[in-house]
Amino acid sequence: MTPLAPITHDLVLAGGGHAHVEVLRALAMKPVKGLRVTLISRSRTAIYSGMVPGYVAGQYSLSDISVNLDRLCVLGGHRLIIGEIEGLDPVAGTFQLAGRPDIAFDTAAINVGSTPDLDAIPGAREHATPVKPIEGFARRFALVEQSSTAQSIAIVGGGAGGVELALALSARFPERQFHLIDRHAHLLDRLPSGAGTWAAQRLVERGVTLRLEQDVSGIE
């Protein structure tokens, strides 16, 4: 039996995003001697965000768009810690986790994704469904899908993500009403104007009501 190589370097991956999935996959195929890899994630699966619109539109199941982090870590002999990161101490070289001991690292990579500031709009935390983190949204979407009372749905934000979500939702639920709200005069304001015009035409064809140049001051 070949003895295990001593651990000489700790690599901690914070978050189970796309980049870290690729790092884990590559290291499973070609291990680095003496390297211990630890993945810290909120959940045991990672949702591939590029397939979420297809999931919302009914083209994929949740399992189709999920990466099994447990299995990926077992294949490479990596550690998987399920927890919420509360802080990072670059001097001590540690991550602080909620309700768990600190995790030390020699090298760290952060790929936790973005989280919207729900307190920026009064009532959003109580009444809105944030799209990010994407893992939470994908699982909460099942409740919307099963709900018979969610017949009118408002989407705040006319950027690429909001337009994509509105198109996917209107394809999945053609019998429901959708409103897309944005403070700008045109959709996709960061892209060439032709893209916003095309998106507006497609959404109107789907029966989506566009409410442009309007700010959301609160949700009740």
C-alpha atoms as a PDB file:
ATOM      1  CA  MET A   1       0.000   0.000   0.000  1.00  0.00           C
ATOM      2  CA  THR A   2       1.434   3.361  -1.069  1.00  0.00           C
ATOM      3  CA  PRO A   3       1.644   5.773   1.898  1.00  0.00           C
ATOM      4  CA  LEU A   4      -0.212   9.055   1.578  1.00  0.00           C
ATOM      5  CA  ALA A   5       1.914  12.077   0.759  1.00  0.00           C
ATOM      6  CA  PRO A   6       2.130  14.601   3.619  1.00  0.00           C
ATOM      7  CA  ILE A   7      -0.018  17.709   3.221  1.00  0.00           C
ATOM      8  CA  THR A   8       2.209  20.654   2.366  1.00  0.00           C
ATOM      9  CA  HIS A   9      -0.364  23.157   1.076  1.00  0.00           C
ATOM     10  CA  ASP A  10      -4.022  23.904   1.846  1.00  0.00           C
ATOM     11  CA  LEU A  11      -6.175  25.252  -0.986  1.00  0.00           C
ATOM     12  CA  VAL A  12      -9.623  26.436   0.120  1.00  0.00           C
ATOM     13  CA  LEU A  13     -12.299  27.102  -2.476  1.00  0.00           C
ATOM     14  CA  ALA A  14     -15.029  29.377  -1.113  1.00  0.00           C
ATOM     15  CA  GLY A  15     -18.245  28.697  -3.017  1.00  0.00           C
ATOM     16  CA  GLY A  16     -19.328  26.035  -5.485  1.00  0.00           C
ATOM     17  CA  GLY A  17     -19.468  28.249  -8.568  1.00  0.00           C
ATOM     18  CA  HIS A  18     -18.584  27.287 -12.135  1.00  0.00           C
ATOM     19  CA  ALA A  19     -14.885  28.109 -11.814  1.00  0.00           C
ATOM     20  CA  HIS A  20     -14.450  25.995  -8.695  1.00  0.00           C
ATOM     21  CA  VAL A  21     -16.336  23.070 -10.236  1.00  0.00           C
ATOM     22  CA  GLU A  22     -13.789  23.121 -13.061  1.00  0.00           C
ATOM     23  CA  VAL A  23     -10.878  23.292 -10.577  1.00  0.00           C
ATOM     24  CA  LEU A  24     -12.243  20.266  -8.696  1.00  0.00           C
ATOM     25  CA  ARG A  25     -12.781  18.344 -11.917  1.00  0.00           C
ATOM     26  CA  ALA A  26      -9.267  19.081 -13.163  1.00  0.00           C
ATOM     27  CA  LEU A  27      -7.671  18.105  -9.829  1.00  0.00           C
ATOM     28  CA  ALA A  28      -9.696  14.883  -9.738  1.00  0.00           C
ATOM     29  CA  MET A  29      -8.154  13.945 -13.095  1.00  0.00           C
ATOM     30  CA  LYS A  30      -4.652  15.167 -12.247  1.00  0.00           C
ATOM     31  CA  PRO A  31      -3.977  15.387  -8.467  1.00  0.00           C
ATOM     32  CA  VAL A  32      -1.210  17.606  -7.110  1.00  0.00           C
ATOM     33  CA  LYS A  33       1.059  15.863  -4.620  1.00  0.00           C
ATOM     34  CA  GLY A  34       0.822  17.320  -1.107  1.00  0.00           C
ATOM     35  CA  LEU A  35      -2.150  19.554  -1.929  1.00  0.00           C
ATOM     36  CA  ARG A  36      -5.266  19.353   0.249  1.00  0.00           C
ATOM     37  CA  VAL A  37      -8.348  20.905  -1.306  1.00  0.00           C
ATOM     38  CA  THR A  38     -11.338  22.048   0.752  1.00  0.00           C
ATOM     39  CA  LEU A  39     -14.568  23.282  -0.799  1.00  0.00           C
ATOM     40  CA  ILE A  40     -16.892  25.405   1.345  1.00  0.00           C
ATOM     41  CA  SER A  41     -20.422  25.569  -0.061  1.00  0.00           C
ATOM     42  CA  ARG A  42     -23.911  26.480   1.111  1.00  0.00           C
ATOM     43  CA  SER A  43     -25.311  23.281  -0.432  1.00  0.00           C
ATOM     44  CA  ARG A  44     -24.242  19.875  -1.701  1.00  0.00           C
ATOM     45  CA  THR A  45     -25.226  20.719  -5.265  1.00  0.00           C
ATOM     46  CA  ALA A  46     -24.351  23.620  -7.537  1.00  0.00           C
ATOM     47  CA  ILE A  47     -26.840  24.973 -10.054  1.00  0.00           C
ATOM     48  CA  TYR A  48     -25.501  25.714 -13.532  1.00  0.00           C
ATOM     49  CA  SER A  49     -26.889  29.228 -14.041  1.00  0.00           C
ATOM     50  CA  GLY A  50     -26.651  29.060 -17.840  1.00  0.00           C
ATOM     51  CA  MET A  51     -29.392  26.397 -17.833  1.00  0.00           C
ATOM     52  CA  VAL A  52     -31.697  28.111 -15.321  1.00  0.00           C
ATOM     53  CA  PRO A  53     -33.770  29.898 -18.023  1.00  0.00           C
ATOM     54  CA  GLY A  54     -34.357  26.516 -19.658  1.00  0.00           C
ATOM     55  CA  TYR A  55     -35.369  25.095 -16.285  1.00  0.00           C
ATOM     56  CA  VAL A  56     -37.793  27.980 -15.728  1.00  0.00           C
ATOM     57  CA  ALA A  57     -39.207  27.489 -19.226  1.00  0.00           C
ATOM     58  CA  GLY A  58     -39.826  23.806 -18.463  1.00  0.00           C
ATOM     59  CA  GLN A  59     -37.110  22.390 -20.747  1.00  0.00           C
ATOM     60  CA  TYR A  60     -34.989  20.897 -17.936  1.00  0.00           C
ATOM     61  CA  SER A  61     -35.592  19.372 -14.534  1.00  0.00           C
ATOM     62  CA  LEU A  62     -33.758  20.578 -11.432  1.00  0.00           C
ATOM     63  CA  SER A  63     -31.566  17.476 -11.489  1.00  0.00           C
ATOM     64  CA  ASP A  64     -30.610  18.221 -15.123  1.00  0.00           C
ATOM     65  CA  ILE A  65     -29.044  21.561 -14.142  1.00  0.00           C
ATOM     66  CA  SER A  66     -27.441  20.456 -10.852  1.00  0.00           C
ATOM     67  CA  VAL A  67     -23.795  19.484 -10.259  1.00  0.00           C
ATOM     68  CA  ASN A  68     -23.298  16.983  -7.445  1.00  0.00           C
ATOM     69  CA  LEU A  69     -20.505  18.541  -5.361  1.00  0.00           C
ATOM     70  CA  ASP A  70     -20.447  15.564  -2.979  1.00  0.00           C
ATOM     71  CA  ARG A  71     -19.599  13.172  -5.796  1.00  0.00           C
ATOM     72  CA  LEU A  72     -17.081  15.538  -7.361  1.00  0.00           C
ATOM     73  CA  CYS A  73     -15.222  15.927  -4.063  1.00  0.00           C
ATOM     74  CA  VAL A  74     -15.223  12.184  -3.366  1.00  0.00           C
ATOM     75  CA  LEU A  75     -13.753  11.490  -6.819  1.00  0.00           C
ATOM     76  CA  GLY A  76     -10.832  13.801  -6.131  1.00  0.00           C
ATOM     77  CA  GLY A  77     -10.424  13.013  -2.437  1.00  0.00           C
ATOM     78  CA  HIS A  78     -11.291  16.605  -1.504  1.00  0.00           C
ATOM     79  CA  ARG A  79     -13.000  17.883   1.640  1.00  0.00           C
ATOM     80  CA  LEU A  80     -16.524  19.335   1.350  1.00  0.00           C
ATOM     81  CA  ILE A  81     -17.766  21.587   4.156  1.00  0.00           C
ATOM     82  CA  ILE A  82     -21.397  22.702   4.085  1.00  0.00           C
ATOM     83  CA  GLY A  83     -21.613  26.080   5.764  1.00  0.00           C
ATOM     84  CA  GLU A  84     -22.093  29.829   5.492  1.00  0.00           C
ATOM     85  CA  ILE A  85     -18.964  31.962   5.273  1.00  0.00           C
ATOM     86  CA  GLU A  86     -19.152  34.952   7.621  1.00  0.00           C
ATOM     87  CA  GLY A  87     -15.685  36.423   7.231  1.00  0.00           C
ATOM     88  CA  LEU A  88     -12.165  36.212   5.872  1.00  0.00           C
ATOM     89  CA  ASP A  89      -8.952  37.017   7.745  1.00  0.00           C
ATOM     90  CA  PRO A  90      -6.190  37.363   5.115  1.00  0.00           C
ATOM     91  CA  VAL A  91      -3.508  37.914   7.773  1.00  0.00           C
ATOM     92  CA  ALA A  92      -4.316  34.793   9.796  1.00  0.00           C
ATOM     93  CA  GLY A  93      -5.212  32.925   6.600  1.00  0.00           C
ATOM     94  CA  THR A  94      -8.617  31.737   7.792  1.00  0.00           C
ATOM     95  CA  PHE A  95     -12.275  31.732   6.777  1.00  0.00           C
ATOM     96  CA  GLN A  96     -14.859  32.227   9.536  1.00  0.00           C
ATOM     97  CA  LEU A  97     -17.948  30.016   9.233  1.00  0.00           C
ATOM     98  CA  ALA A  98     -21.284  30.291  11.017  1.00  0.00           C
ATOM     99  CA  GLY A  99     -21.389  27.825  13.909  1.00  0.00           C
ATOM    100  CA  ARG A 100     -18.186  26.038  12.862  1.00  0.00           C
ATOM    101  CA  PRO A 101     -14.453  26.303  13.555  1.00  0.00           C
ATOM    102  CA  ASP A 102     -12.342  28.515  11.314  1.00  0.00           C
ATOM    103  CA  ILE A 103     -10.882  26.970   8.163  1.00  0.00           C
ATOM    104  CA  ALA A 104      -7.207  27.711   7.537  1.00  0.00           C
ATOM    105  CA  PHE A 105      -5.703  28.145   4.082  1.00  0.00           C
ATOM    106  CA  ASP A 106      -2.403  28.739   2.342  1.00  0.00           C
ATOM    107  CA  THR A 107      -4.178  29.719  -0.872  1.00  0.00           C
ATOM    108  CA  ALA A 108      -7.819  30.775  -1.162  1.00  0.00           C
ATOM    109  CA  ALA A 109     -10.170  31.376  -4.077  1.00  0.00           C
ATOM    110  CA  ILE A 110     -13.577  33.035  -3.761  1.00  0.00           C
ATOM    111  CA  ASN A 111     -16.462  32.164  -6.079  1.00  0.00           C
ATOM    112  CA  VAL A 112     -19.561  32.649  -3.934  1.00  0.00           C
ATOM    113  CA  GLY A 113     -21.638  34.650  -6.440  1.00  0.00           C
ATOM    114  CA  SER A 114     -23.506  37.882  -5.852  1.00  0.00           C
ATOM    115  CA  THR A 115     -26.375  38.564  -3.464  1.00  0.00           C
ATOM    116  CA  PRO A 116     -28.804  41.469  -3.991  1.00  0.00           C
ATOM    117  CA  ASP A 117     -29.330  44.090  -1.306  1.00  0.00           C
ATOM    118  CA  LEU A 118     -32.917  43.284  -0.379  1.00  0.00           C
ATOM    119  CA  ASP A 119     -33.019  46.145   2.106  1.00  0.00           C
ATOM    120  CA  ALA A 120     -32.628  48.680  -0.732  1.00  0.00           C
ATOM    121  CA  ILE A 121     -36.349  48.287  -1.534  1.00  0.00           C
ATOM    122  CA  PRO A 122     -38.713  48.337   1.470  1.00  0.00           C
ATOM    123  CA  GLY A 123     -40.654  45.083   1.670  1.00  0.00           C
ATOM    124  CA  ALA A 124     -38.408  43.171  -0.725  1.00  0.00           C
ATOM    125  CA  ARG A 125     -36.999  40.892   1.967  1.00  0.00           C
ATOM    126  CA  GLU A 126     -40.509  39.899   3.091  1.00  0.00           C
ATOM    127  CA  HIS A 127     -42.333  39.683  -0.228  1.00  0.00           C
ATOM    128  CA  ALA A 128     -39.897  39.278  -3.139  1.00  0.00           C
ATOM    129  CA  THR A 129     -38.048  36.252  -4.477  1.00  0.00           C
ATOM    130  CA  PRO A 130     -34.401  37.166  -5.190  1.00  0.00           C
ATOM    131  CA  VAL A 131     -32.899  35.549  -8.286  1.00  0.00           C
ATOM    132  CA  LYS A 132     -29.496  35.295  -6.588  1.00  0.00           C
ATOM    133  CA  PRO A 133     -28.020  33.234  -5.056  1.00  0.00           C
ATOM    134  CA  ILE A 134     -29.118  31.135  -8.025  1.00  0.00           C
ATOM    135  CA  GLU A 135     -29.274  27.902  -5.985  1.00  0.00           C
ATOM    136  CA  GLY A 136     -31.946  29.349  -3.717  1.00  0.00           C
ATOM    137  CA  PHE A 137     -33.964  30.755  -6.600  1.00  0.00           C
ATOM    138  CA  ALA A 138     -33.981  27.490  -8.540  1.00  0.00           C
ATOM    139  CA  ARG A 139     -35.402  25.652  -5.545  1.00  0.00           C
ATOM    140  CA  ARG A 140     -37.914  28.376  -4.624  1.00  0.00           C
ATOM    141  CA  PHE A 141     -39.145  28.449  -8.214  1.00  0.00           C
ATOM    142  CA  ALA A 142     -40.819  25.085  -7.635  1.00  0.00           C
ATOM    143  CA  LEU A 143     -43.177  26.828  -5.185  1.00  0.00           C
ATOM    144  CA  VAL A 144     -44.109  29.422  -7.815  1.00  0.00           C
ATOM    145  CA  GLU A 145     -44.671  26.656 -10.339  1.00  0.00           C
ATOM    146  CA  GLN A 146     -47.052  24.823  -8.015  1.00  0.00           C
ATOM    147  CA  SER A 147     -48.876  27.929  -6.780  1.00  0.00           C
ATOM    148  CA  SER A 148     -52.316  28.607  -8.205  1.00  0.00           C
ATOM    149  CA  THR A 149     -52.411  32.080  -6.631  1.00  0.00           C
ATOM    150  CA  ALA A 150     -49.311  33.482  -8.379  1.00  0.00           C
ATOM    151  CA  GLN A 151     -51.213  34.549 -11.483  1.00  0.00           C
ATOM    152  CA  SER A 152     -49.628  37.995 -11.772  1.00  0.00           C
ATOM    153  CA  ILE A 153     -45.834  38.167 -11.490  1.00  0.00           C
ATOM    154  CA  ALA A 154     -43.678  41.302 -11.498  1.00  0.00           C
ATOM    155  CA  ILE A 155     -40.007  41.179 -12.476  1.00  0.00           C
ATOM    156  CA  VAL A 156     -37.852  44.090 -11.325  1.00  0.00           C
ATOM    157  CA  GLY A 157     -34.942  44.873 -13.628  1.00  0.00           C
ATOM    158  CA  GLY A 158     -34.808  45.099 -17.411  1.00  0.00           C
ATOM    159  CA  GLY A 159     -31.212  43.987 -17.866  1.00  0.00           C
ATOM    160  CA  ALA A 160     -30.150  40.783 -19.585  1.00  0.00           C
ATOM    161  CA  GLY A 161     -31.126  38.638 -16.595  1.00  0.00           C
ATOM    162  CA  GLY A 162     -34.556  40.228 -16.198  1.00  0.00           C
ATOM    163  CA  VAL A 163     -35.373  39.974 -19.906  1.00  0.00           C
ATOM    164  CA  GLU A 164     -34.203  36.363 -20.025  1.00  0.00           C
ATOM    165  CA  LEU A 165     -36.307  35.505 -16.981  1.00  0.00           C
ATOM    166  CA  ALA A 166     -39.390  37.248 -18.400  1.00  0.00           C
ATOM    167  CA  LEU A 167     -39.062  35.344 -21.688  1.00  0.00           C
ATOM    168  CA  ALA A 168     -38.616  32.017 -19.868  1.00  0.00           C
ATOM    169  CA  LEU A 169     -41.527  32.608 -17.475  1.00  0.00           C
ATOM    170  CA  SER A 170     -43.898  33.726 -20.231  1.00  0.00           C
ATOM    171  CA  ALA A 171     -43.011  30.598 -22.210  1.00  0.00           C
ATOM    172  CA  ARG A 172     -43.639  28.360 -19.191  1.00  0.00           C
ATOM    173  CA  PHE A 173     -46.883  30.069 -18.037  1.00  0.00           C
ATOM    174  CA  PRO A 174     -48.587  31.660 -21.071  1.00  0.00           C
ATOM    175  CA  GLU A 175     -51.838  31.930 -19.101  1.00  0.00           C
ATOM    176  CA  ARG A 176     -50.334  34.160 -16.385  1.00  0.00           C
ATOM    177  CA  GLN A 177     -49.729  37.917 -16.377  1.00  0.00           C
ATOM    178  CA  PHE A 178     -46.206  39.328 -16.295  1.00  0.00           C
ATOM    179  CA  HIS A 179     -44.917  42.850 -15.698  1.00  0.00           C
ATOM    180  CA  LEU A 180     -41.302  43.851 -16.340  1.00  0.00           C
ATOM    181  CA  ILE A 181     -40.304  46.996 -14.433  1.00  0.00           C
ATOM    182  CA  ASP A 182     -37.177  49.057 -15.091  1.00  0.00           C
ATOM    183  CA  ARG A 183     -36.055  52.611 -14.338  1.00  0.00           C
ATOM    184  CA  HIS A 184     -34.528  53.121 -17.780  1.00  0.00           C
ATOM    185  CA  ALA A 185     -36.319  54.259 -20.944  1.00  0.00           C
ATOM    186  CA  HIS A 186     -35.192  51.139 -22.849  1.00  0.00           C
ATOM    187  CA  LEU A 187     -34.559  47.506 -22.002  1.00  0.00           C
ATOM    188  CA  LEU A 188     -30.991  46.190 -21.993  1.00  0.00           C
ATOM    189  CA  ASP A 189     -29.642  49.714 -21.513  1.00  0.00           C
ATOM    190  CA  ARG A 190     -26.031  48.489 -21.440  1.00  0.00           C
ATOM    191  CA  LEU A 191     -26.311  46.881 -24.874  1.00  0.00           C
ATOM    192  CA  PRO A 192     -26.828  48.441 -28.322  1.00  0.00           C
ATOM    193  CA  SER A 193     -30.304  49.960 -28.692  1.00  0.00           C
ATOM    194  CA  GLY A 194     -31.298  47.364 -31.288  1.00  0.00           C
ATOM    195  CA  ALA A 195     -31.041  44.610 -28.666  1.00  0.00           C
ATOM    196  CA  GLY A 196     -33.458  46.450 -26.365  1.00  0.00           C
ATOM    197  CA  THR A 197     -35.895  47.047 -29.225  1.00  0.00           C
ATOM    198  CA  TRP A 198     -35.807  43.374 -30.194  1.00  0.00           C
ATOM    199  CA  ALA A 199     -36.345  42.276 -26.579  1.00  0.00           C
ATOM    200  CA  ALA A 200     -39.277  44.668 -26.139  1.00  0.00           C
ATOM    201  CA  GLN A 201     -40.956  43.352 -29.273  1.00  0.00           C
ATOM    202  CA  ARG A 202     -40.575  39.718 -28.223  1.00  0.00           C
ATOM    203  CA  LEU A 203     -41.889  40.420 -24.721  1.00  0.00           C
ATOM    204  CA  VAL A 204     -44.902  42.364 -25.954  1.00  0.00           C
ATOM    205  CA  GLU A 205     -45.674  39.491 -28.350  1.00  0.00           C
ATOM    206  CA  ARG A 206     -45.696  37.206 -25.314  1.00  0.00           C
ATOM    207  CA  GLY A 207     -48.152  39.500 -23.515  1.00  0.00           C
ATOM    208  CA  VAL A 208     -45.617  40.868 -21.018  1.00  0.00           C
ATOM    209  CA  THR A 209     -46.463  44.396 -19.836  1.00  0.00           C
ATOM    210  CA  LEU A 210     -43.444  46.706 -19.915  1.00  0.00           C
ATOM    211  CA  ARG A 211     -43.288  49.386 -17.231  1.00  0.00           C
ATOM    212  CA  LEU A 212     -40.262  51.482 -18.173  1.00  0.00           C
ATOM    213  CA  GLU A 213     -38.908  54.653 -16.568  1.00  0.00           C
ATOM    214  CA  GLN A 214     -40.444  53.545 -13.274  1.00  0.00           C
ATOM    215  CA  ASP A 215     -38.649  53.048  -9.969  1.00  0.00           C
ATOM    216  CA  VAL A 216     -39.846  50.495  -7.424  1.00  0.00           C
ATOM    217  CA  SER A 217     -40.225  52.363  -4.136  1.00  0.00           C
ATOM    218  CA  GLY A 218     -41.632  49.471  -2.102  1.00  0.00           C
ATOM    219  CA  ILE A 219     -43.259  46.032  -2.189  1.00  0.00           C
ATOM    220  CA  GLU A 220     -46.408  45.268  -0.213  1.00  0.00           C
END
